[in-house]
Amino acid sequence: MDLQRGFVFLSLVLSFMIIETTAYRERQLLLLQPPQETAIDTANAVVTVQDRGLKTRRPEHKNAYATMMYMGTPRDYEFYVATRVLIRSLRSLHVEADLVVIASLDVPLRWVQTLEEEDGAKVVRVENVDNPYRRQTNFNSRFKLTLNKLYAWALSDYDRVVMLDADNLFLKKADELFQCGRFCAVFINPCIFHTGLFVLQPSVEVFKDMLHELQVGRKNPDGADQGFLVSYFSDLLDQPLFSPPSNGSVLNGHLRLPLGYQMDASYFYLKLRWNIPCGPNSVITFPGAVWLKPWYWWSWPVLPLGFSWHEQRRATIGYSAEMPLVIIQAMFYLGIIVVTRLARPNITKLCYRRSDRNLTTIQAGFKLIALLSVVAAYIFPFFTIPHTIHPLIGWSLYLMASFALSSISINTLLLPTLPVLTPWLGILGTLLVMAFPWYPDGVVRALSVFAYAFCCAPFVWVSFRKITSHLQVLIEKEVLFPRLGDSGVTSGFSKLY
């Protein structure tokens, strides 16, 4: 086997190893599972919660910030990381409240121990609440277990609980929320409040009533916690706006929270700054598409606020879990770049007889493979780079990986360098345009990105045409497919008959 084929084979093997390494790491995080419980144990656990409430070990404050964790989605690890960052960021603000995680029984014990021992959270284990709406036509399966949020009403050790989704980003301390009434939430939508953050007064009686409403089939438009709570607290829109009393007293009843406690990230992108006059600008939420949550490295600079979340992570739990894999991949891709620069182009020729009727099919297949190899060079890195790494590291590794994989296509298939790397240059330019920090507002930023894409499109098309034309020239000149018996074959090529 010549050097070039050996290198390609080695690249494929190592690429497979990277994928397996990524999968292995996440499988390792799921090794320690709690023992399976019988139906009787589950029923007894639910009855106990309804009778006594959820008890935390050694509560230290009369109020609590709470969030929840459950398993069963393709993004369990990412939400685990987000939960850790949320807990650590609240600790860094020196909030005067306990930090509680309501974790389903199938959350790995290793994660539970980390949350308790390293992050200082108080974890309570619960059985998943059965979702009776899962057969609705509009039901999204990723919301199947969000009704576990109802367990917040069973946290009977506390006077007030602020229930949070993991994608909240706290800009400042918000302990005045504990002065709110029995239920308080923010209306991001003019008519529907958002359940990413709400204040509640724990009550075992309310918890029992909610479970009863689930059994009798209370109307729930989306089949998730949002629809159920909006239906359960249907009069919240008519309630007054919360304003914390200056004397520190606690209010009663149901109240609407100011928008500053749940600033939808999409509001930021219009002005590229916060200007919420209603209440303190305390908490950012990211209710958009799940693949653009702020913890994914590719969310920035597409969504500028993703960088703020990662800066908060860098200051709290860091990136020690992902960095070993990042270093391995960086060394691997750097090795590819070095080898492809040093190795002689030495491709395999496929010789054929003049009577071979399959030549056209072979040539068309080769062109397709060549084009797919170029496309794969830009897609493959997305599946190997750790999803929750810092965006600067993620994009740097992506550019290195796509350049390295493109160099394999260039050297192995004798493709022209500049046309193959034109998308690489376009992606780099797009990142620079989106990350430019001095746009006056989001409209100018969006127009700039659109103008850049409009200008880049012809270059990408021309590069595609040049690649296909170059492949056709190689085939016509029989550089890749010489006829059997032709003379003048150089010693630098190997033949397959």
Protein backbone atom coordinates (compact mmCIF):
# COMPACT_ATOMS: atom_id res chain seq x y z
CA MET A 1 0.00 0.00 0.00
CA ASP A 2 1.52 3.33 -1.03
CA LEU A 3 1.89 6.32 1.27
CA GLN A 4 -1.18 8.15 0.07
CA ARG A 5 -3.56 5.22 0.42
CA GLY A 6 -2.07 4.37 3.78
CA PHE A 7 -2.61 7.92 4.93
CA VAL A 8 -6.22 7.95 3.79
CA PHE A 9 -6.85 4.64 5.54
CA LEU A 10 -5.24 5.95 8.72
CA SER A 11 -7.37 9.09 8.55
CA LEU A 12 -10.55 7.04 8.30
CA VAL A 13 -9.53 4.85 11.22
CA LEU A 14 -8.63 7.80 13.43
CA SER A 15 -11.83 9.61 12.50
CA PHE A 16 -13.81 6.58 13.58
CA MET A 17 -11.83 6.53 16.81
CA ILE A 18 -12.75 10.16 17.48
CA ILE A 19 -16.43 9.41 17.03
CA GLU A 20 -16.16 6.41 19.31
CA THR A 21 -14.23 8.46 21.88
CA THR A 22 -17.01 11.06 21.95
CA ALA A 23 -19.69 8.41 22.28
CA TYR A 24 -17.68 6.53 24.91
CA ARG A 25 -17.30 9.61 27.07
CA GLU A 26 -21.01 10.26 27.13
CA ARG A 27 -21.76 6.59 27.75
CA GLN A 28 -19.41 6.69 30.72
CA LEU A 29 -21.44 9.51 32.21
CA LEU A 30 -24.44 7.19 32.23
CA LEU A 31 -22.78 4.17 33.81
CA LEU A 32 -24.03 4.55 37.35
CA GLN A 33 -27.77 4.20 37.12
CA PRO A 34 -30.07 3.91 40.12
CA PRO A 35 -31.66 0.54 40.77
CA GLN A 36 -34.92 -0.19 39.01
CA GLU A 37 -37.99 0.33 41.13
CA THR A 38 -41.10 -1.78 41.05
CA ALA A 39 -44.55 -0.38 40.39
CA ILE A 40 -45.35 -0.75 44.09
CA ASP A 41 -42.25 1.25 45.07
CA THR A 42 -43.22 3.97 42.61
CA ALA A 43 -46.77 4.18 43.90
CA ASN A 44 -45.52 4.33 47.48
CA ALA A 45 -43.08 7.10 46.58
CA VAL A 46 -45.82 9.22 45.00
CA VAL A 47 -48.12 8.69 47.97
CA THR A 48 -45.32 9.70 50.34
CA VAL A 49 -44.70 12.94 48.43
CA GLN A 50 -48.40 13.77 48.45
CA ASP A 51 -48.62 13.14 52.19
CA ARG A 52 -45.37 14.67 53.43
CA GLY A 53 -44.01 16.77 50.58
CA LEU A 54 -40.47 16.69 49.20
CA LYS A 55 -37.90 16.96 51.95
CA THR A 56 -34.41 18.30 51.33
CA ARG A 57 -31.48 17.34 53.49
CA ARG A 58 -30.66 20.02 56.03
CA PRO A 59 -32.38 23.08 54.53
CA GLU A 60 -30.37 26.18 55.37
CA HIS A 61 -32.71 28.95 54.20
CA LYS A 62 -36.43 29.54 54.21
CA ASN A 63 -36.49 30.08 50.43
CA ALA A 64 -35.01 28.22 47.47
CA TYR A 65 -34.09 28.48 43.81
CA ALA A 66 -35.03 25.21 42.13
CA THR A 67 -34.55 23.59 38.76
CA MET A 68 -35.19 20.10 37.45
CA MET A 69 -33.35 17.35 35.60
CA TYR A 70 -34.68 14.28 33.84
CA MET A 71 -33.37 11.79 31.30
CA GLY A 72 -34.59 10.47 27.99
CA THR A 73 -33.60 13.13 25.43
CA PRO A 74 -30.60 13.21 23.05
CA ARG A 75 -29.37 16.30 24.89
CA ASP A 76 -29.32 15.08 28.50
CA TYR A 77 -25.61 15.83 28.98
CA GLU A 78 -25.92 19.36 27.60
CA PHE A 79 -28.75 20.15 30.01
CA TYR A 80 -26.73 18.66 32.86
CA VAL A 81 -23.92 21.10 32.04
CA ALA A 82 -26.44 23.95 31.83
CA THR A 83 -27.86 23.01 35.22
CA ARG A 84 -24.40 23.07 36.78
CA VAL A 85 -23.67 26.50 35.32
CA LEU A 86 -27.02 27.82 36.60
CA ILE A 87 -26.36 26.52 40.12
CA ARG A 88 -22.79 27.83 40.19
CA SER A 89 -23.79 31.24 38.83
CA LEU A 90 -26.42 31.62 41.55
CA ARG A 91 -23.83 30.70 44.16
CA SER A 92 -21.45 33.31 42.76
CA LEU A 93 -24.16 35.94 43.26
CA HIS A 94 -24.33 34.97 46.97
CA VAL A 95 -28.08 34.44 46.90
CA GLU A 96 -29.73 34.00 50.28
CA ALA A 97 -31.55 30.80 49.40
CA ASP A 98 -30.99 27.08 49.02
CA LEU A 99 -30.23 25.72 45.56
CA VAL A 100 -32.41 22.69 44.83
CA VAL A 101 -32.35 20.28 41.89
CA ILE A 102 -35.43 18.11 41.39
CA ALA A 103 -33.87 15.07 39.69
CA SER A 104 -35.72 12.08 38.33
CA LEU A 105 -34.63 8.66 39.59
CA ASP A 106 -32.90 7.81 36.31
CA VAL A 107 -30.44 10.72 36.53
CA PRO A 108 -26.98 9.09 36.90
CA LEU A 109 -25.66 8.97 40.45
CA ARG A 110 -22.37 10.44 39.24
CA TRP A 111 -24.19 13.57 38.13
CA VAL A 112 -26.11 13.75 41.40
CA GLN A 113 -22.90 13.49 43.41
CA THR A 114 -21.27 16.23 41.34
CA LEU A 115 -24.23 18.55 41.83
CA GLU A 116 -24.19 17.97 45.58
CA GLU A 117 -20.49 17.78 46.37
CA GLU A 118 -18.96 20.17 43.83
CA ASP A 119 -21.79 22.59 43.08
CA GLY A 120 -23.44 22.79 46.49
CA ALA A 121 -26.94 21.89 45.32
CA LYS A 122 -29.50 19.97 47.33
CA VAL A 123 -30.77 17.18 45.08
CA VAL A 124 -34.15 15.55 45.68
CA ARG A 125 -34.94 12.38 43.74
CA VAL A 126 -38.43 11.95 42.35
CA GLU A 127 -40.41 9.55 40.22
CA ASN A 128 -41.33 10.94 36.80
CA VAL A 129 -44.83 12.39 36.64
CA ASP A 130 -46.85 10.46 34.09
CA ASN A 131 -47.82 12.72 31.20
CA PRO A 132 -51.41 11.99 30.12
CA TYR A 133 -51.10 14.34 27.13
CA ARG A 134 -48.40 12.39 25.30
CA ARG A 135 -50.89 11.06 22.75
CA GLN A 136 -52.05 14.51 21.64
CA THR A 137 -51.53 15.19 17.96
CA ASN A 138 -49.44 18.31 18.58
CA PHE A 139 -47.34 16.78 21.37
CA ASN A 140 -43.57 17.20 21.23
CA SER A 141 -41.85 14.18 22.79
CA ARG A 142 -39.02 16.27 24.25
CA PHE A 143 -41.57 17.78 26.66
CA LYS A 144 -42.76 14.39 27.89
CA LEU A 145 -41.28 14.77 31.38
CA THR A 146 -41.54 18.52 31.89
CA LEU A 147 -44.50 17.96 34.21
CA ASN A 148 -41.90 16.99 36.82
CA LYS A 149 -41.82 20.73 37.40
CA LEU A 150 -45.01 20.31 39.45
CA TYR A 151 -42.88 18.78 42.21
CA ALA A 152 -41.84 22.34 43.08
CA TRP A 153 -45.14 22.70 44.94
CA ALA A 154 -44.14 19.74 47.12
CA LEU A 155 -40.96 21.43 48.44
CA SER A 156 -42.64 21.96 51.78
CA ASP A 157 -39.44 22.94 53.61
CA TYR A 158 -39.55 26.40 52.00
CA ASP A 159 -41.77 29.47 52.17
CA ARG A 160 -41.14 30.52 48.57
CA VAL A 161 -39.50 28.77 45.62
CA VAL A 162 -38.28 30.33 42.38
CA MET A 163 -38.58 27.58 39.78
CA LEU A 164 -36.11 27.89 36.90
CA ASP A 165 -35.33 26.31 33.56
CA ALA A 166 -31.67 25.50 32.97
CA ASP A 167 -31.34 28.06 30.17
CA ASN A 168 -31.70 31.09 32.45
CA LEU A 169 -28.77 33.49 32.63
CA PHE A 170 -28.72 35.65 35.77
CA LEU A 171 -27.21 39.10 35.36
CA LYS A 172 -27.72 40.12 38.96
CA LYS A 173 -29.08 38.89 42.26
CA ALA A 174 -32.88 38.62 42.24
CA ASP A 175 -33.76 37.60 45.81
CA GLU A 176 -36.59 40.14 45.89
CA LEU A 177 -38.58 37.53 43.98
CA PHE A 178 -39.13 35.72 47.28
CA GLN A 179 -41.37 38.62 48.31
CA CYS A 180 -43.83 37.74 45.55
CA GLY A 181 -47.19 36.04 46.10
CA ARG A 182 -48.42 32.46 45.94
CA PHE A 183 -47.81 32.32 42.18
CA CYS A 184 -46.02 34.84 39.96
CA ALA A 185 -44.81 34.57 36.36
CA VAL A 186 -43.72 36.71 33.40
CA PHE A 187 -45.78 37.28 30.27
CA ILE A 188 -43.28 37.10 27.41
CA ASN A 189 -46.18 36.41 25.09
CA PRO A 190 -48.90 39.08 25.52
CA CYS A 191 -51.45 36.45 26.54
CA ILE A 192 -49.43 33.46 27.77
CA PHE A 193 -46.98 33.55 30.65
CA HIS A 194 -43.63 31.79 30.43
CA THR A 195 -42.77 28.93 32.77
CA GLY A 196 -39.00 29.29 32.44
CA LEU A 197 -39.08 31.26 35.71
CA PHE A 198 -41.92 31.55 38.17
CA VAL A 199 -42.37 32.08 41.88
CA LEU A 200 -44.59 29.82 43.96
CA GLN A 201 -45.58 29.13 47.52
CA PRO A 202 -45.12 25.39 48.14
CA SER A 203 -48.30 23.61 49.13
CA VAL A 204 -48.87 19.88 49.31
CA GLU A 205 -52.58 20.53 48.83
CA VAL A 206 -51.96 22.39 45.58
CA PHE A 207 -49.62 19.61 44.46
CA LYS A 208 -52.32 17.00 45.13
CA ASP A 209 -54.87 19.06 43.23
CA MET A 210 -52.53 19.40 40.25
CA LEU A 211 -52.04 15.64 40.10
CA HIS A 212 -55.81 15.23 40.27
CA GLU A 213 -56.24 17.69 37.40
CA LEU A 214 -53.79 15.62 35.36
CA GLN A 215 -55.86 12.51 36.01
CA VAL A 216 -59.15 14.12 35.00
CA GLY A 217 -57.58 15.54 31.83
CA ARG A 218 -57.44 19.30 32.34
CA LYS A 219 -57.06 21.13 29.04
CA ASN A 220 -53.43 21.47 28.00
CA PRO A 221 -52.74 23.00 24.56
CA ASP A 222 -49.11 21.87 24.23
CA GLY A 223 -49.08 18.81 26.49
CA ALA A 224 -46.18 20.22 28.53
CA ASP A 225 -45.75 22.16 31.77
CA GLN A 226 -46.36 25.47 29.97
CA GLY A 227 -49.82 24.57 28.74
CA PHE A 228 -50.86 22.93 32.00
CA LEU A 229 -49.81 25.82 34.24
CA VAL A 230 -51.32 28.43 31.91
CA SER A 231 -54.58 26.50 32.14
CA TYR A 232 -54.31 26.03 35.91
CA PHE A 233 -53.56 29.71 36.62
CA SER A 234 -55.81 31.07 33.89
CA ASP A 235 -56.55 34.33 35.76
CA LEU A 236 -52.94 35.51 36.03
CA LEU A 237 -53.24 37.98 33.15
CA ASP A 238 -55.78 39.99 35.15
CA GLN A 239 -53.56 40.28 38.23
CA PRO A 240 -51.49 43.34 39.24
CA LEU A 241 -47.80 43.73 38.48
CA PHE A 242 -45.33 42.72 41.16
CA SER A 243 -43.31 45.45 42.83
CA PRO A 244 -41.22 44.35 45.82
CA PRO A 245 -42.17 46.20 49.03
CA SER A 246 -39.33 48.30 50.39
CA ASN A 247 -39.90 46.99 53.92
CA GLY A 248 -39.14 43.39 52.87
CA SER A 249 -42.64 42.07 53.51
CA VAL A 250 -44.00 39.12 51.53
CA LEU A 251 -47.04 39.60 49.32
CA ASN A 252 -49.96 37.24 48.85
CA GLY A 253 -52.12 36.21 45.93
CA HIS A 254 -51.18 35.87 42.26
CA LEU A 255 -49.06 38.53 40.57
CA ARG A 256 -47.51 39.21 37.19
CA LEU A 257 -43.75 39.58 37.15
CA PRO A 258 -42.06 42.41 35.21
CA LEU A 259 -40.47 41.43 31.90
CA GLY A 260 -37.01 42.17 33.29
CA TYR A 261 -37.10 38.85 35.14
CA GLN A 262 -37.46 36.87 31.90
CA MET A 263 -35.85 38.88 29.13
CA ASP A 264 -36.32 36.86 25.96
CA ALA A 265 -32.95 36.76 24.19
CA SER A 266 -34.67 37.55 20.89
CA TYR A 267 -35.48 41.04 22.22
CA PHE A 268 -31.77 41.73 22.51
CA TYR A 269 -31.01 41.08 18.86
CA LEU A 270 -33.10 43.97 17.58
CA LYS A 271 -31.14 46.68 19.42
CA LEU A 272 -28.07 44.64 20.46
CA ARG A 273 -28.56 45.97 23.96
CA TRP A 274 -31.06 45.60 26.76
CA ASN A 275 -33.66 48.29 27.21
CA ILE A 276 -36.43 46.74 29.31
CA PRO A 277 -38.11 49.58 31.21
CA CYS A 278 -40.42 47.25 33.12
CA GLY A 279 -38.57 46.10 36.23
CA PRO A 280 -34.89 45.28 36.77
CA ASN A 281 -32.98 43.66 33.92
CA SER A 282 -32.06 40.60 35.96
CA VAL A 283 -32.54 37.36 34.03
CA ILE A 284 -32.13 36.36 30.37
CA THR A 285 -33.95 33.35 28.97
CA PHE A 286 -33.37 31.48 25.71
CA PRO A 287 -36.72 29.97 24.67
CA GLY A 288 -35.84 29.52 20.99
CA ALA A 289 -34.81 26.48 18.97
CA VAL A 290 -33.15 23.81 21.08
CA TRP A 291 -30.14 23.57 18.73
CA LEU A 292 -29.43 27.27 19.32
CA LYS A 293 -29.34 27.08 23.10
CA PRO A 294 -26.43 29.18 24.40
CA TRP A 295 -24.29 26.25 25.57
CA TYR A 296 -23.70 24.97 22.02
CA TRP A 297 -20.43 26.30 20.58
CA TRP A 298 -21.99 27.06 17.20
CA SER A 299 -24.67 29.31 18.75
CA TRP A 300 -22.11 32.14 18.78
CA PRO A 301 -21.70 34.42 16.87
CA VAL A 302 -25.04 33.51 15.28
CA LEU A 303 -26.62 34.56 18.59
CA PRO A 304 -24.25 36.99 20.36
CA LEU A 305 -25.62 36.29 23.85
CA GLY A 306 -24.28 32.74 23.69
CA PHE A 307 -20.86 34.17 24.44
CA SER A 308 -22.17 35.67 27.69
CA TRP A 309 -23.38 32.26 28.81
CA HIS A 310 -20.03 30.67 28.02
CA GLU A 311 -18.20 33.40 29.90
CA GLN A 312 -20.35 32.54 32.89
CA ARG A 313 -19.47 28.89 32.46
CA ARG A 314 -15.77 29.71 32.15
CA ALA A 315 -15.97 31.57 35.45
CA THR A 316 -17.80 28.72 37.21
CA ILE A 317 -17.29 25.08 36.17
CA GLY A 318 -14.79 25.62 33.33
CA TYR A 319 -14.17 23.22 30.44
CA SER A 320 -11.98 20.53 31.97
CA ALA A 321 -14.40 17.78 30.89
CA GLU A 322 -14.11 18.64 27.19
CA MET A 323 -10.51 19.84 26.86
CA PRO A 324 -8.77 16.41 26.67
CA LEU A 325 -10.87 15.46 23.65
CA VAL A 326 -10.32 18.88 22.09
CA ILE A 327 -6.54 18.52 22.45
CA ILE A 328 -6.61 15.02 20.91
CA GLN A 329 -8.61 16.24 17.94
CA ALA A 330 -6.43 19.32 17.46
CA MET A 331 -3.28 17.17 17.37
CA PHE A 332 -4.93 14.75 14.97
CA TYR A 333 -6.04 17.43 12.52
CA LEU A 334 -2.71 19.22 12.78
CA GLY A 335 -1.03 15.92 11.90
CA ILE A 336 -3.23 15.60 8.82
CA ILE A 337 -2.25 19.08 7.67
CA VAL A 338 1.46 18.35 8.11
CA VAL A 339 1.34 14.97 6.37
CA THR A 340 -0.69 16.24 3.41
CA ARG A 341 1.81 19.06 2.91
CA LEU A 342 4.76 16.68 2.96
CA ALA A 343 3.31 13.71 1.09
CA ARG A 344 3.60 13.51 -2.70
CA PRO A 345 0.30 13.34 -4.55
CA ASN A 346 0.18 9.65 -5.34
CA ILE A 347 -3.26 8.55 -6.47
CA THR A 348 -4.49 5.18 -7.54
CA LYS A 349 -5.36 4.74 -11.20
CA LEU A 350 -8.19 2.54 -12.31
CA CYS A 351 -7.28 1.01 -15.66
CA TYR A 352 -10.00 -0.16 -18.02
CA ARG A 353 -10.37 -1.76 -21.43
CA ARG A 354 -11.79 0.19 -24.34
CA SER A 355 -14.79 -2.13 -24.44
CA ASP A 356 -15.73 -1.41 -20.84
CA ARG A 357 -19.33 -0.17 -20.98
CA ASN A 358 -19.38 0.80 -17.31
CA LEU A 359 -16.83 3.57 -17.78
CA THR A 360 -19.43 6.36 -17.75
CA THR A 361 -20.93 5.06 -14.53
CA ILE A 362 -17.50 4.76 -12.93
CA GLN A 363 -16.55 8.29 -13.93
CA ALA A 364 -19.86 9.74 -12.71
CA GLY A 365 -19.48 7.87 -9.44
CA PHE A 366 -15.97 9.20 -9.02
CA LYS A 367 -17.14 12.79 -9.55
CA LEU A 368 -19.91 12.29 -7.02
CA ILE A 369 -17.48 10.86 -4.47
CA ALA A 370 -15.09 13.75 -5.01
CA LEU A 371 -17.82 16.34 -4.47
CA LEU A 372 -19.16 14.50 -1.42
CA SER A 373 -15.68 14.39 0.08
CA VAL A 374 -15.49 18.18 -0.15
CA VAL A 375 -18.92 18.59 1.45
CA ALA A 376 -18.07 16.05 4.16
CA ALA A 377 -14.96 18.02 5.07
CA TYR A 378 -17.21 20.87 6.22
CA ILE A 379 -19.94 18.76 7.85
CA PHE A 380 -17.99 16.01 9.61
CA PRO A 381 -16.36 18.24 12.29
CA PHE A 382 -19.77 19.25 13.67
CA PHE A 383 -20.29 15.66 14.83
CA THR A 384 -16.92 15.26 16.55
CA ILE A 385 -16.28 18.55 18.33
CA PRO A 386 -17.68 18.49 21.91
CA HIS A 387 -20.97 20.35 21.72
CA THR A 388 -20.57 22.35 24.92
CA ILE A 389 -17.04 23.67 24.40
CA HIS A 390 -16.37 27.43 24.37
CA PRO A 391 -17.30 28.98 20.99
CA LEU A 392 -13.82 30.40 20.38
CA ILE A 393 -12.31 26.95 20.88
CA GLY A 394 -15.11 25.24 18.97
CA TRP A 395 -14.89 27.42 15.89
CA SER A 396 -11.07 27.34 15.90
CA LEU A 397 -11.15 23.55 16.01
CA TYR A 398 -13.83 23.48 13.32
CA LEU A 399 -11.75 25.63 10.97
CA MET A 400 -8.69 23.48 11.61
CA ALA A 401 -10.67 20.27 11.06
CA SER A 402 -12.37 21.41 7.85
CA PHE A 403 -9.05 22.66 6.48
CA ALA A 404 -7.34 19.36 7.32
CA LEU A 405 -10.09 17.22 5.81
CA SER A 406 -10.21 19.43 2.72
CA SER A 407 -6.48 18.94 2.27
CA ILE A 408 -7.08 15.18 2.09
CA SER A 409 -9.46 15.68 -0.83
CA ILE A 410 -7.07 18.11 -2.50
CA ASN A 411 -4.07 15.80 -2.30
CA THR A 412 -5.80 12.47 -2.79
CA LEU A 413 -8.04 13.46 -5.69
CA LEU A 414 -5.79 16.16 -7.20
CA LEU A 415 -8.46 18.83 -6.73
CA PRO A 416 -7.64 22.54 -7.15
CA THR A 417 -6.76 24.10 -3.80
CA LEU A 418 -8.47 27.50 -3.93
CA PRO A 419 -11.91 26.32 -5.13
CA VAL A 420 -12.00 23.59 -2.47
CA LEU A 421 -11.08 26.11 0.24
CA THR A 422 -13.46 28.82 -0.96
CA PRO A 423 -16.24 27.68 1.45
CA TRP A 424 -13.64 27.68 4.24
CA LEU A 425 -12.76 31.29 3.51
CA GLY A 426 -16.46 32.13 3.25
CA ILE A 427 -17.21 30.60 6.65
CA LEU A 428 -14.31 32.47 8.23
CA GLY A 429 -15.55 35.72 6.72
CA THR A 430 -19.09 35.05 7.92
CA LEU A 431 -17.86 34.55 11.47
CA LEU A 432 -15.94 37.82 11.35
CA VAL A 433 -18.94 39.71 9.96
CA MET A 434 -21.30 38.31 12.60
CA ALA A 435 -18.83 38.82 15.44
CA PHE A 436 -18.10 42.46 14.55
CA PRO A 437 -18.82 44.24 17.86
CA TRP A 438 -19.69 47.77 16.70
CA TYR A 439 -23.00 47.40 14.89
CA PRO A 440 -25.44 50.12 15.97
CA ASP A 441 -28.36 47.68 16.10
CA GLY A 442 -29.50 44.23 15.07
CA VAL A 443 -31.05 45.38 11.79
CA VAL A 444 -27.74 46.68 10.49
CA ARG A 445 -26.06 43.48 11.63
CA ALA A 446 -28.60 41.31 9.82
CA LEU A 447 -28.31 43.39 6.64
CA SER A 448 -24.52 43.15 6.80
CA VAL A 449 -24.64 39.37 7.09
CA PHE A 450 -27.13 39.18 4.22
CA ALA A 451 -24.98 41.44 2.03
CA TYR A 452 -21.89 39.37 2.76
CA ALA A 453 -23.74 36.14 1.92
CA PHE A 454 -25.05 37.71 -1.29
CA CYS A 455 -21.51 38.67 -2.32
CA CYS A 456 -20.09 35.26 -1.39
CA ALA A 457 -22.65 33.18 -3.27
CA PRO A 458 -21.14 33.78 -6.75
CA PHE A 459 -17.68 32.80 -5.51
CA VAL A 460 -19.01 29.55 -4.05
CA TRP A 461 -20.81 28.77 -7.30
CA VAL A 462 -17.70 29.51 -9.38
CA SER A 463 -15.60 27.31 -7.11
CA PHE A 464 -18.10 24.47 -7.54
CA ARG A 465 -17.96 24.83 -11.31
CA LYS A 466 -14.16 24.85 -11.26
CA ILE A 467 -14.03 21.66 -9.21
CA THR A 468 -16.41 19.83 -11.55
CA SER A 469 -14.57 21.15 -14.61
CA HIS A 470 -11.24 20.08 -13.17
CA LEU A 471 -12.55 16.59 -12.48
CA GLN A 472 -13.84 16.35 -16.04
CA VAL A 473 -10.45 17.40 -17.41
CA LEU A 474 -8.69 14.76 -15.32
CA ILE A 475 -11.06 12.12 -16.64
CA GLU A 476 -10.79 13.24 -20.27
CA LYS A 477 -7.00 13.32 -20.10
CA GLU A 478 -7.15 9.85 -18.56
CA VAL A 479 -5.08 10.93 -15.57
CA LEU A 480 -7.44 9.00 -13.34
CA PHE A 481 -8.74 6.35 -15.75
CA PRO A 482 -6.06 5.33 -18.30
CA ARG A 483 -6.88 2.64 -20.85
CA LEU A 484 -5.28 -0.72 -20.41
CA GLY A 485 -2.17 -1.01 -22.54
CA ASP A 486 -1.47 2.73 -22.82
CA SER A 487 2.16 3.67 -22.43
CA GLY A 488 3.75 6.46 -20.49
CA VAL A 489 2.55 5.49 -17.04
CA THR A 490 4.70 7.22 -14.47
CA SER A 491 6.18 5.33 -11.59
CA GLY A 492 4.45 7.54 -9.08
CA PHE A 493 1.08 5.86 -9.67
CA SER A 494 -0.25 2.45 -8.78
CA LYS A 495 -2.73 0.52 -10.95
CA LEU A 496 -5.77 -1.55 -10.17
CA TYR A 497 -6.82 -3.98 -12.93
